[in-house]
Amino acid sequence: VLHVHDLVDYVSEEAKRAGSHAADYIRCWDAEQRPDFKEQEIKIE
């Protein structure tokens, strides 16, 4: 859904990262000071 892969192994690897980052996001859900890194964003050209 993100981009068409050639190997399903890479799909699983990428999905594990998504699951892990989603878990990190949920852990920070109730934190009073949630970090905002938008201003430090680097674009890949």
All heavy atoms as atom14 arrays in JSON, in Angstrom:
{
  "sequence": "VLHVHDLVDYVSEEAKRAGSHAADYIRCWDAEQRPDFKEQEIKIE",
  "atom14_mask": [
    [1, 1, 1, 1, 1, 1, 1, 0, 0, 0, 0, 0, 0, 0],
    [1, 1, 1, 1, 1, 1, 1, 1, 0, 0, 0, 0, 0, 0],
    [1, 1, 1, 1, 1, 1, 1, 1, 1, 1, 0, 0, 0, 0],
    [1, 1, 1, 1, 1, 1, 1, 0, 0, 0, 0, 0, 0, 0],
    [1, 1, 1, 1, 1, 1, 1, 1, 1, 1, 0, 0, 0, 0],
    [1, 1, 1, 1, 1, 1, 1, 1, 0, 0, 0, 0, 0, 0],
    [1, 1, 1, 1, 1, 1, 1, 1, 0, 0, 0, 0, 0, 0],
    [1, 1, 1, 1, 1, 1, 1, 0, 0, 0, 0, 0, 0, 0],
    [1, 1, 1, 1, 1, 1, 1, 1, 0, 0, 0, 0, 0, 0],
    [1, 1, 1, 1, 1, 1, 1, 1, 1, 1, 1, 1, 0, 0],
    [1, 1, 1, 1, 1, 1, 1, 0, 0, 0, 0, 0, 0, 0],
    [1, 1, 1, 1, 1, 1, 0, 0, 0, 0, 0, 0, 0, 0],
    [1, 1, 1, 1, 1, 1, 1, 1, 1, 0, 0, 0, 0, 0],
    [1, 1, 1, 1, 1, 1, 1, 1, 1, 0, 0, 0, 0, 0],
    [1, 1, 1, 1, 1, 0, 0, 0, 0, 0, 0, 0, 0, 0],
    [1, 1, 1, 1, 1, 1, 1, 1, 1, 0, 0, 0, 0, 0],
    [1, 1, 1, 1, 1, 1, 1, 1, 1, 1, 1, 0, 0, 0],
    [1, 1, 1, 1, 1, 0, 0, 0, 0, 0, 0, 0, 0, 0],
    [1, 1, 1, 1, 0, 0, 0, 0, 0, 0, 0, 0, 0, 0],
    [1, 1, 1, 1, 1, 1, 0, 0, 0, 0, 0, 0, 0, 0],
    [1, 1, 1, 1, 1, 1, 1, 1, 1, 1, 0, 0, 0, 0],
    [1, 1, 1, 1, 1, 0, 0, 0, 0, 0, 0, 0, 0, 0],
    [1, 1, 1, 1, 1, 0, 0, 0, 0, 0, 0, 0, 0, 0],
    [1, 1, 1, 1, 1, 1, 1, 1, 0, 0, 0, 0, 0, 0],
    [1, 1, 1, 1, 1, 1, 1, 1, 1, 1, 1, 1, 0, 0],
    [1, 1, 1, 1, 1, 1, 1, 1, 0, 0, 0, 0, 0, 0],
    [1, 1, 1, 1, 1, 1, 1, 1, 1, 1, 1, 0, 0, 0],
    [1, 1, 1, 1, 1, 1, 0, 0, 0, 0, 0, 0, 0, 0],
    [1, 1, 1, 1, 1, 1, 1, 1, 1, 1, 1, 1, 1, 1],
    [1, 1, 1, 1, 1, 1, 1, 1, 0, 0, 0, 0, 0, 0],
    [1, 1, 1, 1, 1, 0, 0, 0, 0, 0, 0, 0, 0, 0],
    [1, 1, 1, 1, 1, 1, 1, 1, 1, 0, 0, 0, 0, 0],
    [1, 1, 1, 1, 1, 1, 1, 1, 1, 0, 0, 0, 0, 0],
    [1, 1, 1, 1, 1, 1, 1, 1, 1, 1, 1, 0, 0, 0],
    [1, 1, 1, 1, 1, 1, 1, 0, 0, 0, 0, 0, 0, 0],
    [1, 1, 1, 1, 1, 1, 1, 1, 0, 0, 0, 0, 0, 0],
    [1, 1, 1, 1, 1, 1, 1, 1, 1, 1, 1, 0, 0, 0],
    [1, 1, 1, 1, 1, 1, 1, 1, 1, 0, 0, 0, 0, 0],
    [1, 1, 1, 1, 1, 1, 1, 1, 1, 0, 0, 0, 0, 0],
    [1, 1, 1, 1, 1, 1, 1, 1, 1, 0, 0, 0, 0, 0],
    [1, 1, 1, 1, 1, 1, 1, 1, 1, 0, 0, 0, 0, 0],
    [1, 1, 1, 1, 1, 1, 1, 1, 0, 0, 0, 0, 0, 0],
    [1, 1, 1, 1, 1, 1, 1, 1, 1, 0, 0, 0, 0, 0],
    [1, 1, 1, 1, 1, 1, 1, 1, 0, 0, 0, 0, 0, 0],
    [1, 1, 1, 1, 1, 1, 1, 1, 1, 0, 0, 0, 0, 0]
  ],
  "atom14_positions": [
    [[0.84, -1.2, 0.0], [0.0, 0.0, 0.0], [0.88, 1.26, 0.0], [0.46, 2.33, -0.43], [-0.97, 0.01, 1.21], [-0.28, 0.51, 2.48], [-2.18, 0.86, 0.93], [0.0, 0.0, 0.0], [0.0, 0.0, 0.0], [0.0, 0.0, 0.0], [0.0, 0.0, 0.0], [0.0, 0.0, 0.0], [0.0, 0.0, 0.0], [0.0, 0.0, 0.0]],
    [[2.11, 1.09, 0.45], [3.07, 2.2, 0.54], [3.82, 2.35, -0.78], [3.92, 3.43, -1.34], [4.02, 1.94, 1.7], [5.08, 2.98, 2.02], [4.44, 4.34, 2.27], [5.89, 2.55, 3.26], [0.0, 0.0, 0.0], [0.0, 0.0, 0.0], [0.0, 0.0, 0.0], [0.0, 0.0, 0.0], [0.0, 0.0, 0.0], [0.0, 0.0, 0.0]],
    [[4.38, 1.27, -1.27], [5.0, 1.19, -2.6], [5.14, -0.27, -2.96], [5.23, -1.14, -2.08], [6.36, 1.92, -2.65], [7.41, 1.34, -1.73], [8.67, 1.04, -2.11], [7.36, 1.01, -0.42], [9.36, 0.56, -1.08], [8.59, 0.52, -0.05], [0.0, 0.0, 0.0], [0.0, 0.0, 0.0], [0.0, 0.0, 0.0], [0.0, 0.0, 0.0]],
    [[5.13, -0.56, -4.25], [5.11, -1.95, -4.69], [6.48, -2.58, -4.48], [7.48, -2.1, -5.0], [4.68, -2.05, -6.17], [4.74, -3.5, -6.64], [3.25, -1.49, -6.34], [0.0, 0.0, 0.0], [0.0, 0.0, 0.0], [0.0, 0.0, 0.0], [0.0, 0.0, 0.0], [0.0, 0.0, 0.0], [0.0, 0.0, 0.0], [0.0, 0.0, 0.0]],
    [[6.51, -3.67, -3.7], [7.75, -4.38, -3.4], [7.99, -5.49, -4.41], [7.06, -5.98, -5.04], [7.69, -4.98, -1.99], [7.67, -3.96, -0.9], [6.66, -3.05, -0.73], [8.56, -3.69, 0.1], [6.93, -2.27, 0.32], [8.07, -2.65, 0.83], [0.0, 0.0, 0.0], [0.0, 0.0, 0.0], [0.0, 0.0, 0.0], [0.0, 0.0, 0.0]],
    [[9.25, -5.92, -4.49], [9.55, -7.08, -5.33], [9.62, -8.37, -4.51], [9.32, -9.44, -5.02], [10.86, -6.89, -6.12], [12.03, -6.44, -5.23], [11.84, -6.27, -4.0], [13.15, -6.23, -5.76], [0.0, 0.0, 0.0], [0.0, 0.0, 0.0], [0.0, 0.0, 0.0], [0.0, 0.0, 0.0], [0.0, 0.0, 0.0], [0.0, 0.0, 0.0]],
    [[9.98, -8.28, -3.23], [10.06, -9.46, -2.37], [9.18, -9.28, -1.13], [9.2, -8.21, -0.5], [11.51, -9.71, -1.92], [12.53, -10.07, -3.01], [13.91, -10.2, -2.39], [12.14, -11.36, -3.72], [0.0, 0.0, 0.0], [0.0, 0.0, 0.0], [0.0, 0.0, 0.0], [0.0, 0.0, 0.0], [0.0, 0.0, 0.0], [0.0, 0.0, 0.0]],
    [[8.46, -10.34, -0.77], [7.58, -10.26, 0.4], [8.41, -10.15, 1.69], [7.93, -9.62, 2.69], [6.61, -11.47, 0.45], [7.34, -12.74, 0.84], [5.45, -11.2, 1.4], [0.0, 0.0, 0.0], [0.0, 0.0, 0.0], [0.0, 0.0, 0.0], [0.0, 0.0, 0.0], [0.0, 0.0, 0.0], [0.0, 0.0, 0.0], [0.0, 0.0, 0.0]],
    [[9.65, -10.65, 1.66], [10.51, -10.53, 2.83], [10.73, -9.07, 3.22], [10.76, -8.71, 4.4], [11.87, -11.19, 2.58], [11.75, -12.67, 2.26], [11.3, -13.0, 1.15], [12.06, -13.49, 3.13], [0.0, 0.0, 0.0], [0.0, 0.0, 0.0], [0.0, 0.0, 0.0], [0.0, 0.0, 0.0], [0.0, 0.0, 0.0], [0.0, 0.0, 0.0]],
    [[10.87, -8.2, 2.21], [11.04, -6.77, 2.49], [9.73, -6.16, 3.02], [9.77, -5.23, 3.83], [11.47, -6.02, 1.23], [12.85, -6.4, 0.72], [13.18, -6.31, -0.63], [13.83, -6.87, 1.59], [14.43, -6.66, -1.1], [15.09, -7.23, 1.14], [15.38, -7.13, -0.2], [16.62, -7.48, -0.66], [0.0, 0.0, 0.0], [0.0, 0.0, 0.0]],
    [[8.6, -6.7, 2.56], [7.3, -6.26, 3.07], [7.24, -6.52, 4.58], [6.88, -5.64, 5.37], [6.14, -6.98, 2.35], [4.81, -6.76, 3.09], [6.02, -6.51, 0.91], [0.0, 0.0, 0.0], [0.0, 0.0, 0.0], [0.0, 0.0, 0.0], [0.0, 0.0, 0.0], [0.0, 0.0, 0.0], [0.0, 0.0, 0.0], [0.0, 0.0, 0.0]],
    [[7.59, -7.74, 4.98], [7.54, -8.11, 6.39], [8.49, -7.26, 7.22], [8.15, -6.83, 8.33], [7.89, -9.6, 6.57], [7.02, -10.4, 5.82], [0.0, 0.0, 0.0], [0.0, 0.0, 0.0], [0.0, 0.0, 0.0], [0.0, 0.0, 0.0], [0.0, 0.0, 0.0], [0.0, 0.0, 0.0], [0.0, 0.0, 0.0], [0.0, 0.0, 0.0]],
    [[9.69, -7.04, 6.69], [10.69, -6.24, 7.39], [10.17, -4.81, 7.62], [10.3, -4.27, 8.73], [11.98, -6.21, 6.55], [13.19, -5.62, 7.23], [14.37, -5.59, 6.27], [14.74, -6.65, 5.73], [14.89, -4.49, 6.03], [0.0, 0.0, 0.0], [0.0, 0.0, 0.0], [0.0, 0.0, 0.0], [0.0, 0.0, 0.0], [0.0, 0.0, 0.0]],
    [[9.59, -4.23, 6.58], [9.04, -2.88, 6.66], [7.86, -2.83, 7.63], [7.73, -1.9, 8.43], [8.6, -2.46, 5.25], [8.22, -1.0, 5.08], [7.89, -0.73, 3.62], [6.75, -0.97, 3.21], [8.78, -0.31, 2.87], [0.0, 0.0, 0.0], [0.0, 0.0, 0.0], [0.0, 0.0, 0.0], [0.0, 0.0, 0.0], [0.0, 0.0, 0.0]],
    [[7.0, -3.86, 7.56], [5.81, -3.91, 8.42], [6.19, -4.02, 9.89], [5.54, -3.45, 10.77], [4.92, -5.07, 8.0], [0.0, 0.0, 0.0], [0.0, 0.0, 0.0], [0.0, 0.0, 0.0], [0.0, 0.0, 0.0], [0.0, 0.0, 0.0], [0.0, 0.0, 0.0], [0.0, 0.0, 0.0], [0.0, 0.0, 0.0], [0.0, 0.0, 0.0]],
    [[7.26, -4.77, 10.18], [7.74, -4.88, 11.57], [8.13, -3.5, 12.1], [7.84, -3.16, 13.26], [8.93, -5.83, 11.65], [8.53, -7.3, 11.53], [9.76, -8.2, 11.53], [9.36, -9.67, 11.35], [10.57, -10.53, 11.22], [0.0, 0.0, 0.0], [0.0, 0.0, 0.0], [0.0, 0.0, 0.0], [0.0, 0.0, 0.0], [0.0, 0.0, 0.0]],
    [[8.78, -2.71, 11.25], [9.15, -1.34, 11.64], [7.91, -0.5, 11.9], [7.84, 0.23, 12.9], [9.99, -0.68, 10.55], [11.46, -1.06, 10.55], [12.18, -0.49, 9.34], [12.0, 0.95, 9.21], [12.07, 1.62, 8.07], [12.3, 0.96, 6.94], [11.9, 2.93, 8.04], [0.0, 0.0, 0.0], [0.0, 0.0, 0.0], [0.0, 0.0, 0.0]],
    [[6.9, -0.63, 11.04], [5.66, 0.14, 11.22], [4.98, -0.24, 12.53], [4.51, 0.63, 13.27], [4.72, -0.11, 10.04], [0.0, 0.0, 0.0], [0.0, 0.0, 0.0], [0.0, 0.0, 0.0], [0.0, 0.0, 0.0], [0.0, 0.0, 0.0], [0.0, 0.0, 0.0], [0.0, 0.0, 0.0], [0.0, 0.0, 0.0], [0.0, 0.0, 0.0]],
    [[4.94, -1.54, 12.82], [4.33, -2.01, 14.07], [5.07, -1.5, 15.29], [4.46, -1.05, 16.28], [0.0, 0.0, 0.0], [0.0, 0.0, 0.0], [0.0, 0.0, 0.0], [0.0, 0.0, 0.0], [0.0, 0.0, 0.0], [0.0, 0.0, 0.0], [0.0, 0.0, 0.0], [0.0, 0.0, 0.0], [0.0, 0.0, 0.0], [0.0, 0.0, 0.0]],
    [[6.4, -1.51, 15.22], [7.22, -1.04, 16.33], [7.04, 0.46, 16.56], [6.9, 0.92, 17.7], [8.69, -1.37, 16.03], [9.53, -0.86, 16.98], [0.0, 0.0, 0.0], [0.0, 0.0, 0.0], [0.0, 0.0, 0.0], [0.0, 0.0, 0.0], [0.0, 0.0, 0.0], [0.0, 0.0, 0.0], [0.0, 0.0, 0.0], [0.0, 0.0, 0.0]],
    [[7.03, 1.24, 15.46], [6.86, 2.7, 15.59], [5.45, 3.07, 16.06], [5.27, 4.02, 16.81], [7.16, 3.39, 14.26], [8.63, 3.36, 13.89], [9.6, 3.85, 14.73], [9.27, 2.89, 12.79], [10.79, 3.67, 14.17], [10.61, 3.1, 13.0], [0.0, 0.0, 0.0], [0.0, 0.0, 0.0], [0.0, 0.0, 0.0], [0.0, 0.0, 0.0]],
    [[4.45, 2.3, 15.63], [3.09, 2.53, 16.1], [3.01, 2.29, 17.61], [2.34, 3.03, 18.34], [2.11, 1.62, 15.36], [0.0, 0.0, 0.0], [0.0, 0.0, 0.0], [0.0, 0.0, 0.0], [0.0, 0.0, 0.0], [0.0, 0.0, 0.0], [0.0, 0.0, 0.0], [0.0, 0.0, 0.0], [0.0, 0.0, 0.0], [0.0, 0.0, 0.0]],
    [[3.72, 1.26, 18.07], [3.77, 0.96, 19.51], [4.42, 2.11, 20.28], [3.95, 2.51, 21.36], [4.53, -0.34, 19.75], [0.0, 0.0, 0.0], [0.0, 0.0, 0.0], [0.0, 0.0, 0.0], [0.0, 0.0, 0.0], [0.0, 0.0, 0.0], [0.0, 0.0, 0.0], [0.0, 0.0, 0.0], [0.0, 0.0, 0.0], [0.0, 0.0, 0.0]],
    [[5.51, 2.67, 19.72], [6.18, 3.83, 20.35], [5.21, 5.01, 20.44], [5.16, 5.71, 21.45], [7.41, 4.24, 19.53], [8.52, 3.22, 19.58], [8.52, 2.38, 20.5], [9.4, 3.24, 18.68], [0.0, 0.0, 0.0], [0.0, 0.0, 0.0], [0.0, 0.0, 0.0], [0.0, 0.0, 0.0], [0.0, 0.0, 0.0], [0.0, 0.0, 0.0]],
    [[4.46, 5.23, 19.35], [3.5, 6.34, 19.31], [2.43, 6.17, 20.39], [2.07, 7.13, 21.09], [2.85, 6.41, 17.93], [1.73, 7.42, 17.82], [2.01, 8.76, 17.62], [0.39, 7.03, 17.93], [0.98, 9.7, 17.53], [-0.64, 7.95, 17.84], [-0.34, 9.28, 17.65], [-1.35, 10.21, 17.57], [0.0, 0.0, 0.0], [0.0, 0.0, 0.0]],
    [[1.94, 4.95, 20.55], [0.88, 4.68, 21.54], [1.41, 4.88, 22.96], [0.72, 5.4, 23.84], [0.31, 3.26, 21.33], [-0.46, 3.22, 20.0], [-0.59, 2.83, 22.47], [-0.68, 1.82, 19.45], [0.0, 0.0, 0.0], [0.0, 0.0, 0.0], [0.0, 0.0, 0.0], [0.0, 0.0, 0.0], [0.0, 0.0, 0.0], [0.0, 0.0, 0.0]],
    [[2.67, 4.49, 23.17], [3.29, 4.68, 24.5], [3.39, 6.17, 24.87], [3.27, 6.54, 26.03], [4.69, 4.06, 24.53], [4.68, 2.58, 24.89], [6.07, 2.08, 25.26], [6.94, 2.02, 24.11], [7.02, 0.97, 23.29], [6.29, -0.09, 23.51], [7.83, 0.99, 22.25], [0.0, 0.0, 0.0], [0.0, 0.0, 0.0], [0.0, 0.0, 0.0]],
    [[3.61, 7.03, 23.85], [3.72, 8.47, 24.1], [2.36, 9.17, 24.15], [2.29, 10.39, 24.35], [4.57, 9.15, 23.01], [6.27, 8.67, 22.99], [0.0, 0.0, 0.0], [0.0, 0.0, 0.0], [0.0, 0.0, 0.0], [0.0, 0.0, 0.0], [0.0, 0.0, 0.0], [0.0, 0.0, 0.0], [0.0, 0.0, 0.0], [0.0, 0.0, 0.0]],
    [[1.29, 8.41, 23.97], [-0.04, 8.99, 23.81], [-0.44, 9.88, 24.99], [-0.94, 11.0, 24.82], [-1.06, 7.86, 23.64], [-2.48, 8.32, 23.49], [-3.41, 8.43, 24.48], [-3.14, 8.72, 22.3], [-4.59, 8.87, 23.97], [-4.47, 9.07, 22.62], [-2.74, 8.84, 20.98], [-5.4, 9.5, 21.68], [-3.67, 9.28, 20.02], [-4.97, 9.6, 20.37]],
    [[-0.2, 9.37, 26.18], [-0.62, 10.08, 27.39], [0.46, 10.98, 27.97], [0.24, 11.61, 29.01], [-1.07, 9.08, 28.45], [-2.31, 8.3, 27.98], [-3.2, 8.92, 27.35], [-2.37, 7.08, 28.24], [0.0, 0.0, 0.0], [0.0, 0.0, 0.0], [0.0, 0.0, 0.0], [0.0, 0.0, 0.0], [0.0, 0.0, 0.0], [0.0, 0.0, 0.0]],
    [[1.61, 11.03, 27.34], [2.7, 11.85, 27.87], [2.34, 13.33, 27.81], [1.76, 13.81, 26.84], [3.99, 11.6, 27.09], [0.0, 0.0, 0.0], [0.0, 0.0, 0.0], [0.0, 0.0, 0.0], [0.0, 0.0, 0.0], [0.0, 0.0, 0.0], [0.0, 0.0, 0.0], [0.0, 0.0, 0.0], [0.0, 0.0, 0.0], [0.0, 0.0, 0.0]],
    [[2.68, 14.06, 28.88], [2.35, 15.5, 28.92], [3.15, 16.27, 27.88], [2.63, 17.13, 27.19], [2.66, 16.05, 30.32], [1.67, 15.55, 31.38], [1.93, 16.17, 32.72], [2.66, 17.18, 32.79], [1.41, 15.64, 33.73], [0.0, 0.0, 0.0], [0.0, 0.0, 0.0], [0.0, 0.0, 0.0], [0.0, 0.0, 0.0], [0.0, 0.0, 0.0]],
    [[4.43, 15.97, 27.77], [5.29, 16.63, 26.8], [5.58, 15.67, 25.64], [6.52, 14.93, 25.66], [6.6, 17.08, 27.46], [6.44, 18.19, 28.49], [6.18, 19.52, 27.83], [6.77, 19.84, 26.84], [5.28, 20.3, 28.39], [0.0, 0.0, 0.0], [0.0, 0.0, 0.0], [0.0, 0.0, 0.0], [0.0, 0.0, 0.0], [0.0, 0.0, 0.0]],
    [[4.71, 15.7, 24.65], [4.94, 14.84, 23.49], [5.9, 15.54, 22.55], [5.72, 16.71, 22.2], [3.62, 14.52, 22.78], [2.63, 13.78, 23.64], [1.36, 13.43, 22.93], [1.59, 12.44, 21.88], [1.56, 12.69, 20.61], [1.33, 13.91, 20.19], [1.75, 11.75, 19.71], [0.0, 0.0, 0.0], [0.0, 0.0, 0.0], [0.0, 0.0, 0.0]],
    [[6.96, 14.84, 22.1], [7.95, 15.5, 21.26], [7.38, 15.89, 19.89], [6.56, 15.18, 19.33], [9.05, 14.42, 21.1], [8.37, 13.12, 21.38], [7.25, 13.41, 22.33], [0.0, 0.0, 0.0], [0.0, 0.0, 0.0], [0.0, 0.0, 0.0], [0.0, 0.0, 0.0], [0.0, 0.0, 0.0], [0.0, 0.0, 0.0], [0.0, 0.0, 0.0]],
    [[7.81, 17.02, 19.39], [7.41, 17.48, 18.06], [8.68, 17.74, 17.25], [9.44, 18.64, 17.53], [6.57, 18.76, 18.15], [6.12, 19.23, 16.77], [6.16, 18.42, 15.83], [5.78, 20.42, 16.63], [0.0, 0.0, 0.0], [0.0, 0.0, 0.0], [0.0, 0.0, 0.0], [0.0, 0.0, 0.0], [0.0, 0.0, 0.0], [0.0, 0.0, 0.0]],
    [[8.89, 16.89, 16.26], [10.12, 16.99, 15.48], [9.89, 17.54, 14.08], [10.74, 17.43, 13.21], [10.77, 15.6, 15.38], [11.17, 15.03, 16.71], [10.37, 14.11, 17.35], [12.33, 15.43, 17.33], [10.73, 13.59, 18.58], [12.69, 14.92, 18.56], [11.89, 13.99, 19.2], [0.0, 0.0, 0.0], [0.0, 0.0, 0.0], [0.0, 0.0, 0.0]],
    [[8.74, 18.12, 13.84], [8.41, 18.59, 12.5], [9.44, 19.58, 11.96], [9.79, 19.57, 10.8], [7.02, 19.23, 12.48], [5.87, 18.22, 12.57], [5.68, 17.48, 11.26], [4.5, 16.53, 11.33], [4.43, 15.63, 10.15], [0.0, 0.0, 0.0], [0.0, 0.0, 0.0], [0.0, 0.0, 0.0], [0.0, 0.0, 0.0], [0.0, 0.0, 0.0]],
    [[9.92, 20.47, 12.85], [10.83, 21.52, 12.38], [12.19, 20.95, 12.0], [12.97, 21.61, 11.32], [10.96, 22.61, 13.43], [11.47, 22.07, 14.76], [11.04, 22.97, 15.89], [9.9, 23.44, 15.87], [11.86, 23.19, 16.76], [0.0, 0.0, 0.0], [0.0, 0.0, 0.0], [0.0, 0.0, 0.0], [0.0, 0.0, 0.0], [0.0, 0.0, 0.0]],
    [[12.52, 19.77, 12.46], [13.82, 19.18, 12.16], [13.74, 18.15, 11.03], [14.56, 17.27, 10.92], [14.39, 18.5, 13.41], [14.56, 19.48, 14.56], [14.57, 18.79, 15.9], [14.07, 17.71, 16.05], [15.14, 19.43, 16.89], [0.0, 0.0, 0.0], [0.0, 0.0, 0.0], [0.0, 0.0, 0.0], [0.0, 0.0, 0.0], [0.0, 0.0, 0.0]],
    [[12.75, 18.27, 10.19], [12.51, 17.29, 9.13], [13.46, 17.52, 7.96], [13.62, 18.63, 7.48], [11.06, 17.39, 8.67], [10.5, 16.12, 8.12], [8.99, 16.13, 8.03], [8.44, 17.03, 7.38], [8.38, 15.23, 8.58], [0.0, 0.0, 0.0], [0.0, 0.0, 0.0], [0.0, 0.0, 0.0], [0.0, 0.0, 0.0], [0.0, 0.0, 0.0]],
    [[14.06, 16.43, 7.49], [14.95, 16.47, 6.32], [14.25, 15.79, 5.16], [13.78, 14.65, 5.28], [16.3, 15.76, 6.61], [17.04, 16.46, 7.74], [17.17, 15.7, 5.37], [18.23, 15.68, 8.26], [0.0, 0.0, 0.0], [0.0, 0.0, 0.0], [0.0, 0.0, 0.0], [0.0, 0.0, 0.0], [0.0, 0.0, 0.0], [0.0, 0.0, 0.0]],
    [[14.19, 16.46, 4.04], [13.55, 15.89, 2.84], [14.59, 15.08, 2.05], [15.73, 15.49, 1.92], [12.99, 17.03, 1.98], [12.2, 16.57, 0.77], [11.61, 17.78, 0.04], [10.76, 17.34, -1.15], [11.54, 16.79, -2.21], [0.0, 0.0, 0.0], [0.0, 0.0, 0.0], [0.0, 0.0, 0.0], [0.0, 0.0, 0.0], [0.0, 0.0, 0.0]],
    [[14.18, 13.93, 1.55], [15.04, 13.14, 0.66], [14.68, 13.5, -0.78], [13.57, 13.24, -1.23], [14.88, 11.63, 0.88], [15.22, 11.26, 2.34], [15.77, 10.85, -0.09], [15.03, 9.79, 2.65], [0.0, 0.0, 0.0], [0.0, 0.0, 0.0], [0.0, 0.0, 0.0], [0.0, 0.0, 0.0], [0.0, 0.0, 0.0], [0.0, 0.0, 0.0]],
    [[15.63, 14.1, -1.47], [15.41, 14.47, -2.88], [16.03, 13.4, -3.78], [17.2, 13.07, -3.65], [16.05, 15.84, -3.16], [15.76, 16.38, -4.56], [16.38, 17.75, -4.76], [15.96, 18.71, -4.06], [17.31, 17.85, -5.58], [0.0, 0.0, 0.0], [0.0, 0.0, 0.0], [0.0, 0.0, 0.0], [0.0, 0.0, 0.0], [0.0, 0.0, 0.0]]
  ]
}
